[in-house]
C-alpha cells in the first residue's frame, strides 16, 4: 500500500467526512487512565509486567486535560476514562465524568470488569451523564469466567450487570451498553450462547460483540491467537486517531505501550495539541505510511486492531 492509499484508508476508518490534514490537528479519541490499578488478574492482561507507579491521577492534572478537551469538544468523538486498570477503583470517577460532560464532550465512556458496579456506583455514573459503558464479561459459565477473570466472583458480576441494565433503562435510557466478550481459547465456542442470552436485554442503542484476544504488541506472554491476523501491513489507525494519557500525564505511543516504551511527552509540561502535532508523532506516522511499522517493536506483529474474521457471528451493532 502506497502512502496515498494509506491516507485514504485512515480517513475512511477514522472520520470519513473529513480530510487527511484535519485528523492531524487534534485526536478524535482519548483513553485517559485516572487510576492505574486493578482488582483482577486476567491471563489476557499484562498487569504482571506493569512498571509504572502512578496509581491515581491528581485533580490538577485532570483539570488541565479537561480544560483543553473542552476547547476542542467539537472535534472529539469519544473520551474514555480508562486504560490499563479498573476505572471504578477511582472514587472520583463520577465527578470526573460530570466535569467532561459540563465541558461539552459528547461521548464519555468507561470499560469495566463489572465487579465493583454496585447499585450506588451505577446510580452515580448514570446521574453524572455517562454515555457509554463496556461491560466486559467473558463467559456465562461460572467456572470458565472465574478461570479468566481471576479474583472476581461470577455471581456478583452477573448481578451487577443485570441490575445496571435495569437502572439504565429507568434512570438514563440514552446511556449505551456495550456487552463484550474477550474471545480466547477457554471460551472460543461460547459466542452463540452468549449472544442468545444477552441480545433480548439490549436496546437499539446498545452493542453486543466480542473481541478476539490480542497480543499487546507482541508483549503478552503465552499468547494463543484464536483467529488469523488481518491486513497486518496497514498503517495503525491509533497513531492518527487515539491519544492515551496515563495517570501521571505521560503519553505513550499507543494503547498497547503500557510501560511507555516509546514516550511522546507529558501533559503536565505540554498541551495535547502540541504533542499530537509534534515532530516525533509525525515521524512515527511517516514510518507506518512507508510500510516500516516494524521499526517499532510493538507495531510489527501487533494484533490489537484486528477485526473478527467470522463477521457473521459478530453482532457488533445490535439489531
Protein backbone atom coordinates (compact mmCIF):
# COMPACT_ATOMS: atom_id res chain seq x y z
CA UNK A 1 0.00 0.00 0.00
CA UNK A 2 1.43 3.38 -1.00
CA UNK A 3 1.19 6.48 1.19
CA UNK A 4 -1.80 7.99 -0.62
CA UNK A 5 -3.82 4.79 -0.31
CA UNK A 6 -2.77 4.59 3.31
CA UNK A 7 -4.07 8.09 3.98
CA UNK A 8 -7.34 7.27 2.20
CA UNK A 9 -7.74 4.16 4.35
CA UNK A 10 -7.08 6.12 7.55
CA UNK A 11 -9.58 8.88 6.79
CA UNK A 12 -12.25 6.35 5.84
CA UNK A 13 -11.77 4.43 9.06
CA UNK A 14 -11.37 7.38 11.44
CA UNK A 15 -13.58 10.21 10.16
CA UNK A 16 -14.84 9.77 6.62
CA UNK A 17 -16.37 13.24 6.35
CA UNK A 18 -13.02 14.98 6.97
CA UNK A 19 -9.74 15.45 5.11
CA UNK A 20 -6.45 13.81 5.99
CA UNK A 21 -4.97 17.11 7.24
CA UNK A 22 -7.95 17.56 9.55
CA UNK A 23 -7.23 14.45 11.59
CA UNK A 24 -3.66 15.63 12.14
CA UNK A 25 -4.87 18.64 14.12
CA UNK A 26 -6.28 17.01 17.26
CA UNK A 27 -7.12 13.48 18.45
CA UNK A 28 -10.64 12.21 17.81
CA UNK A 29 -10.46 9.62 20.61
CA UNK A 30 -8.93 9.60 24.08
CA UNK A 31 -8.22 6.96 26.67
CA UNK A 32 -7.46 8.71 29.95
CA UNK A 33 -6.26 6.50 32.78
CA UNK A 34 -7.40 8.10 36.03
CA UNK A 35 -6.31 5.08 38.07
CA UNK A 36 -3.53 2.58 37.34
CA UNK A 37 -4.64 -0.41 39.39
CA UNK A 38 -6.88 -3.45 39.01
CA UNK A 39 -8.66 -5.88 41.32
CA UNK A 40 -8.45 -8.78 38.81
CA UNK A 41 -5.59 -10.81 37.37
CA UNK A 42 -6.61 -12.00 33.91
CA UNK A 43 -4.47 -14.16 31.60
CA UNK A 44 -5.08 -11.85 28.61
CA UNK A 45 -3.74 -8.87 30.56
CA UNK A 46 -0.16 -7.70 31.04
CA UNK A 47 -0.56 -6.46 34.61
CA UNK A 48 2.30 -8.66 35.87
CA UNK A 49 4.61 -6.70 33.57
CA UNK A 50 3.49 -3.16 34.50
CA UNK A 51 6.41 -0.97 35.54
CA UNK A 52 4.58 2.28 36.25
CA UNK A 53 3.93 3.65 39.72
CA UNK A 54 1.31 6.39 39.38
CA UNK A 55 -1.86 4.92 40.84
CA UNK A 56 -4.29 7.89 40.75
CA UNK A 57 -4.44 10.98 38.55
CA UNK A 58 -4.20 14.25 40.50
CA UNK A 59 -7.07 16.71 40.32
CA UNK A 60 -4.89 19.49 38.90
CA UNK A 61 -3.75 17.32 36.00
CA UNK A 62 -7.26 16.14 35.24
CA UNK A 63 -8.49 19.75 35.31
CA UNK A 64 -5.82 20.75 32.78
CA UNK A 65 -6.74 17.88 30.46
CA UNK A 66 -10.46 18.55 30.80
CA UNK A 67 -9.96 22.23 30.02
CA UNK A 68 -8.17 21.54 26.74
CA UNK A 69 -10.67 18.85 25.78
CA UNK A 70 -13.50 21.32 26.35
CA UNK A 71 -11.90 23.82 23.98
CA UNK A 72 -11.80 21.13 21.28
CA UNK A 73 -15.09 19.43 22.15
CA UNK A 74 -16.45 19.76 18.61
CA UNK A 75 -13.59 17.67 17.19
CA UNK A 76 -13.70 14.85 19.74
CA UNK A 77 -15.72 11.71 19.08
CA UNK A 78 -15.19 9.97 22.41
CA UNK A 79 -13.33 10.29 25.71
CA UNK A 80 -12.88 7.02 27.60
CA UNK A 81 -11.87 7.28 31.26
CA UNK A 82 -9.88 4.06 31.46
CA UNK A 83 -6.78 2.40 30.11
CA UNK A 84 -4.92 -0.45 31.82
CA UNK A 85 -6.68 -0.61 35.19
CA UNK A 86 -10.21 -0.94 36.59
CA UNK A 87 -11.72 2.58 36.42
CA UNK A 88 -14.20 2.00 39.25
CA UNK A 89 -11.26 1.96 41.68
CA UNK A 90 -11.21 5.75 41.14
CA UNK A 91 -13.55 7.13 43.80
CA UNK A 92 -13.81 10.41 41.87
CA UNK A 93 -14.83 8.79 38.58
CA UNK A 94 -18.42 10.03 38.54
CA UNK A 95 -17.29 13.58 39.35
CA UNK A 96 -14.77 13.45 36.51
CA UNK A 97 -17.42 12.23 34.08
CA UNK A 98 -19.61 15.15 35.10
CA UNK A 99 -16.74 17.61 34.54
CA UNK A 100 -16.25 16.34 30.97
CA UNK A 101 -19.96 16.48 30.24
CA UNK A 102 -20.17 20.03 31.57
CA UNK A 103 -17.27 20.84 29.25
CA UNK A 104 -19.28 19.79 26.21
CA UNK A 105 -17.78 16.35 25.49
CA UNK A 106 -20.40 14.46 23.51
CA UNK A 107 -19.43 10.89 24.36
CA UNK A 108 -17.85 9.89 27.66
CA UNK A 109 -17.35 6.21 28.36
CA UNK A 110 -15.69 3.62 30.55
CA UNK A 111 -14.88 -0.09 30.35
CA UNK A 112 -15.27 -2.17 33.49
CA UNK A 113 -14.93 -5.74 34.69
CA UNK A 114 -18.28 -5.10 36.46
CA UNK A 115 -17.19 -6.45 39.86
CA UNK A 116 -17.43 -3.03 41.58
CA UNK A 117 -20.52 -1.84 39.71
CA UNK A 118 -22.88 -1.99 42.67
CA UNK A 119 -26.15 -0.06 42.82
CA UNK A 120 -24.61 3.06 44.36
CA UNK A 121 -21.85 3.31 41.77
CA UNK A 122 -24.30 2.56 38.97
CA UNK A 123 -26.55 5.42 40.00
CA UNK A 124 -23.60 7.80 40.38
CA UNK A 125 -22.32 7.04 36.88
CA UNK A 126 -25.71 7.36 35.22
CA UNK A 127 -26.57 10.58 37.06
CA UNK A 128 -23.15 12.03 36.13
CA UNK A 129 -24.06 11.69 32.45
CA UNK A 130 -22.13 8.58 31.38
CA UNK A 131 -22.81 7.97 27.67
CA UNK A 132 -21.21 4.55 27.11
CA UNK A 133 -20.15 1.66 29.28
CA UNK A 134 -18.40 -1.54 28.23
CA UNK A 135 -19.39 -4.44 30.48
CA UNK A 136 -16.58 -6.93 29.96
CA UNK A 137 -17.95 -10.37 30.83
CA UNK A 138 -16.21 -13.26 29.12
CA UNK A 139 -18.40 -16.27 29.86
CA UNK A 140 -21.80 -17.37 31.15
CA UNK A 141 -20.14 -20.40 32.73
CA UNK A 142 -19.05 -19.69 36.31
CA UNK A 143 -16.01 -21.96 36.17
CA UNK A 144 -14.74 -20.58 32.87
CA UNK A 145 -15.47 -16.98 33.88
CA UNK A 146 -13.52 -17.28 37.13
CA UNK A 147 -10.66 -19.00 35.31
CA UNK A 148 -10.41 -15.97 33.01
CA UNK A 149 -11.34 -13.20 35.44
CA UNK A 150 -9.14 -14.32 38.31
CA UNK A 151 -10.13 -12.82 41.72
CA UNK A 152 -13.64 -11.91 40.55
CA UNK A 153 -16.91 -13.59 41.57
CA UNK A 154 -19.15 -14.64 38.68
CA UNK A 155 -22.43 -14.37 40.59
CA UNK A 156 -21.60 -10.87 41.83
CA UNK A 157 -20.63 -9.72 38.34
CA UNK A 158 -23.82 -11.08 36.77
CA UNK A 159 -25.98 -9.50 39.46
CA UNK A 160 -24.25 -6.14 38.95
CA UNK A 161 -24.62 -6.31 35.16
CA UNK A 162 -28.32 -7.21 35.19
CA UNK A 163 -29.09 -4.52 37.77
CA UNK A 164 -27.15 -1.91 35.78
CA UNK A 165 -29.21 -2.67 32.68
CA UNK A 166 -32.40 -2.22 34.69
CA UNK A 167 -31.17 1.04 36.27
CA UNK A 168 -30.02 2.37 32.89
CA UNK A 169 -33.48 1.72 31.46
CA UNK A 170 -35.07 3.75 34.27
CA UNK A 171 -32.53 6.50 35.02
CA UNK A 172 -30.76 7.27 31.73
CA UNK A 173 -32.01 5.28 28.71
CA UNK A 174 -29.62 7.18 26.42
CA UNK A 175 -26.57 5.50 28.00
CA UNK A 176 -25.30 2.87 25.58
CA UNK A 177 -24.26 -0.50 26.99
CA UNK A 178 -21.56 -2.42 25.12
CA UNK A 179 -21.72 -6.03 26.28
CA UNK A 180 -18.36 -7.59 25.42
CA UNK A 181 -16.66 -10.96 25.46
CA UNK A 182 -12.89 -11.27 25.09
CA UNK A 183 -12.81 -14.42 22.97
CA UNK A 184 -9.90 -16.71 23.75
CA UNK A 185 -9.05 -20.40 23.99
CA UNK A 186 -11.12 -21.04 27.14
CA UNK A 187 -14.37 -19.57 25.75
CA UNK A 188 -13.90 -19.60 21.97
CA UNK A 189 -17.04 -21.66 21.29
CA UNK A 190 -19.41 -19.77 23.59
CA UNK A 191 -20.40 -16.83 21.40
CA UNK A 192 -23.77 -18.21 20.09
CA UNK A 193 -24.98 -18.96 23.64
CA UNK A 194 -23.62 -15.63 24.90
CA UNK A 195 -25.41 -13.70 22.16
CA UNK A 196 -28.68 -15.56 22.75
CA UNK A 197 -28.60 -14.69 26.47
CA UNK A 198 -27.73 -11.00 26.22
CA UNK A 199 -29.47 -9.92 22.99
CA UNK A 200 -33.02 -9.76 24.45
CA UNK A 201 -31.73 -7.48 27.22
CA UNK A 202 -30.17 -4.95 24.84
CA UNK A 203 -31.84 -1.93 23.20
CA UNK A 204 -31.31 -0.42 19.77
CA UNK A 205 -28.52 1.85 21.05
CA UNK A 206 -26.52 -0.99 22.62
CA UNK A 207 -23.75 -3.18 21.21
CA UNK A 208 -23.26 -6.88 21.75
CA UNK A 209 -19.91 -8.09 20.48
CA UNK A 210 -16.71 -9.98 21.05
CA UNK A 211 -13.06 -9.11 20.51
CA UNK A 212 -10.53 -11.80 19.82
CA UNK A 213 -7.69 -11.86 22.33
CA UNK A 214 -4.75 -9.80 21.07
CA UNK A 215 -1.04 -9.92 21.76
CA UNK A 216 -0.47 -6.45 23.26
CA UNK A 217 2.02 -5.53 20.57
CA UNK A 218 3.77 -8.89 20.86
CA UNK A 219 4.23 -8.38 24.62
CA UNK A 220 1.71 -10.87 26.06
CA UNK A 221 3.43 -13.95 27.46
CA UNK A 222 1.84 -17.21 26.35
CA UNK A 223 -0.34 -15.53 23.73
CA UNK A 224 -2.56 -18.01 21.87
CA UNK A 225 -4.44 -16.47 18.92
CA UNK A 226 -7.95 -17.65 18.11
CA UNK A 227 -8.02 -16.05 14.66
CA UNK A 228 -5.64 -15.04 11.89
CA UNK A 229 -4.27 -11.50 11.72
CA UNK A 230 -5.91 -9.40 9.01
CA UNK A 231 -4.07 -6.91 6.78
CA UNK A 232 -1.02 -6.64 9.07
CA UNK A 233 0.78 -4.22 6.75
CA UNK A 234 -1.76 -1.41 7.06
CA UNK A 235 -0.76 1.73 8.99
CA UNK A 236 -2.17 1.62 12.52
CA UNK A 237 -5.20 3.84 13.00
CA UNK A 238 -4.18 4.56 16.60
CA UNK A 239 -1.40 6.95 15.55
CA UNK A 240 -3.94 9.12 13.71
CA UNK A 241 -6.96 8.82 15.97
CA UNK A 242 -6.17 7.98 19.60
CA UNK A 243 -4.25 9.64 22.43
CA UNK A 244 -3.62 7.69 25.61
CA UNK A 245 -2.85 9.64 28.78
CA UNK A 246 -1.55 7.80 31.83
CA UNK A 247 -2.37 8.78 35.40
CA UNK A 248 0.87 10.78 35.74
CA UNK A 249 0.30 12.64 32.44
CA UNK A 250 2.66 10.57 30.31
CA UNK A 251 1.58 9.98 26.71
CA UNK A 252 2.83 6.69 25.20
CA UNK A 253 3.00 5.54 21.60
CA UNK A 254 -0.47 3.98 21.75
CA UNK A 255 -2.83 1.91 23.87
CA UNK A 256 -0.57 -1.19 23.97
CA UNK A 257 2.51 0.74 25.10
CA UNK A 258 1.62 0.11 28.75
CA UNK A 259 5.16 0.73 30.04
CA UNK A 260 5.66 3.87 27.93
CA UNK A 261 8.45 2.29 25.92
CA UNK A 262 8.02 4.97 23.24
CA UNK A 263 7.16 8.19 25.13
CA UNK A 264 5.62 11.08 23.24
CA UNK A 265 5.70 13.55 26.14
CA UNK A 266 3.79 14.57 29.24
CA UNK A 267 0.60 16.61 29.51
CA UNK A 268 1.95 18.31 32.61
CA UNK A 269 4.52 20.18 30.54
CA UNK A 270 2.90 20.19 27.06
CA UNK A 271 -0.55 20.58 25.61
CA UNK A 272 -2.43 17.79 23.88
CA UNK A 273 -2.30 19.68 20.59
CA UNK A 274 1.47 20.20 20.84
CA UNK A 275 2.14 16.51 21.34
CA UNK A 276 -0.34 15.42 18.66
CA UNK A 277 1.26 17.69 16.05
CA UNK A 278 4.84 17.16 17.22
CA UNK A 279 7.78 16.14 15.08
CA UNK A 280 8.05 12.82 16.91
CA UNK A 281 4.38 11.97 16.34
CA UNK A 282 4.60 12.79 12.63
CA UNK A 283 7.83 10.80 12.19
CA UNK A 284 6.07 7.77 13.63
CA UNK A 285 3.16 8.22 11.24
CA UNK A 286 5.51 8.56 8.27
CA UNK A 287 7.18 5.25 9.15
CA UNK A 288 3.81 3.50 9.25
CA UNK A 289 2.77 5.01 5.91
CA UNK A 290 6.07 3.89 4.41
CA UNK A 291 5.43 0.29 5.42
CA UNK A 292 8.06 0.42 8.15
CA UNK A 293 5.85 -0.11 11.20
CA UNK A 294 8.19 -2.90 12.37
CA UNK A 295 10.67 -0.10 13.18
CA UNK A 296 8.78 -0.12 16.50
CA UNK A 297 8.99 -3.43 18.35
CA UNK A 298 5.36 -3.07 19.46
CA UNK A 299 3.96 -2.50 15.97
CA UNK A 300 5.32 -5.15 13.63
CA UNK A 301 3.21 -8.06 14.88
CA UNK A 302 0.56 -6.21 16.86
CA UNK A 303 -2.97 -7.65 16.61
CA UNK A 304 -4.89 -5.19 18.78
CA UNK A 305 -6.84 -3.62 15.90
CA UNK A 306 -7.82 -6.89 14.25
CA UNK A 307 -11.46 -7.48 13.46
CA UNK A 308 -13.02 -10.93 13.87
CA UNK A 309 -12.74 -12.98 10.68
CA UNK A 310 -16.13 -14.64 11.19
CA UNK A 311 -18.16 -11.43 10.99
CA UNK A 312 -21.47 -13.25 10.61
CA UNK A 313 -21.10 -14.30 14.25
CA UNK A 314 -20.11 -10.82 15.44
CA UNK A 315 -23.12 -8.67 16.23
CA UNK A 316 -21.06 -5.53 16.67
CA UNK A 317 -24.10 -3.32 16.31
CA UNK A 318 -27.16 -4.83 17.95
CA UNK A 319 -30.09 -5.20 15.53
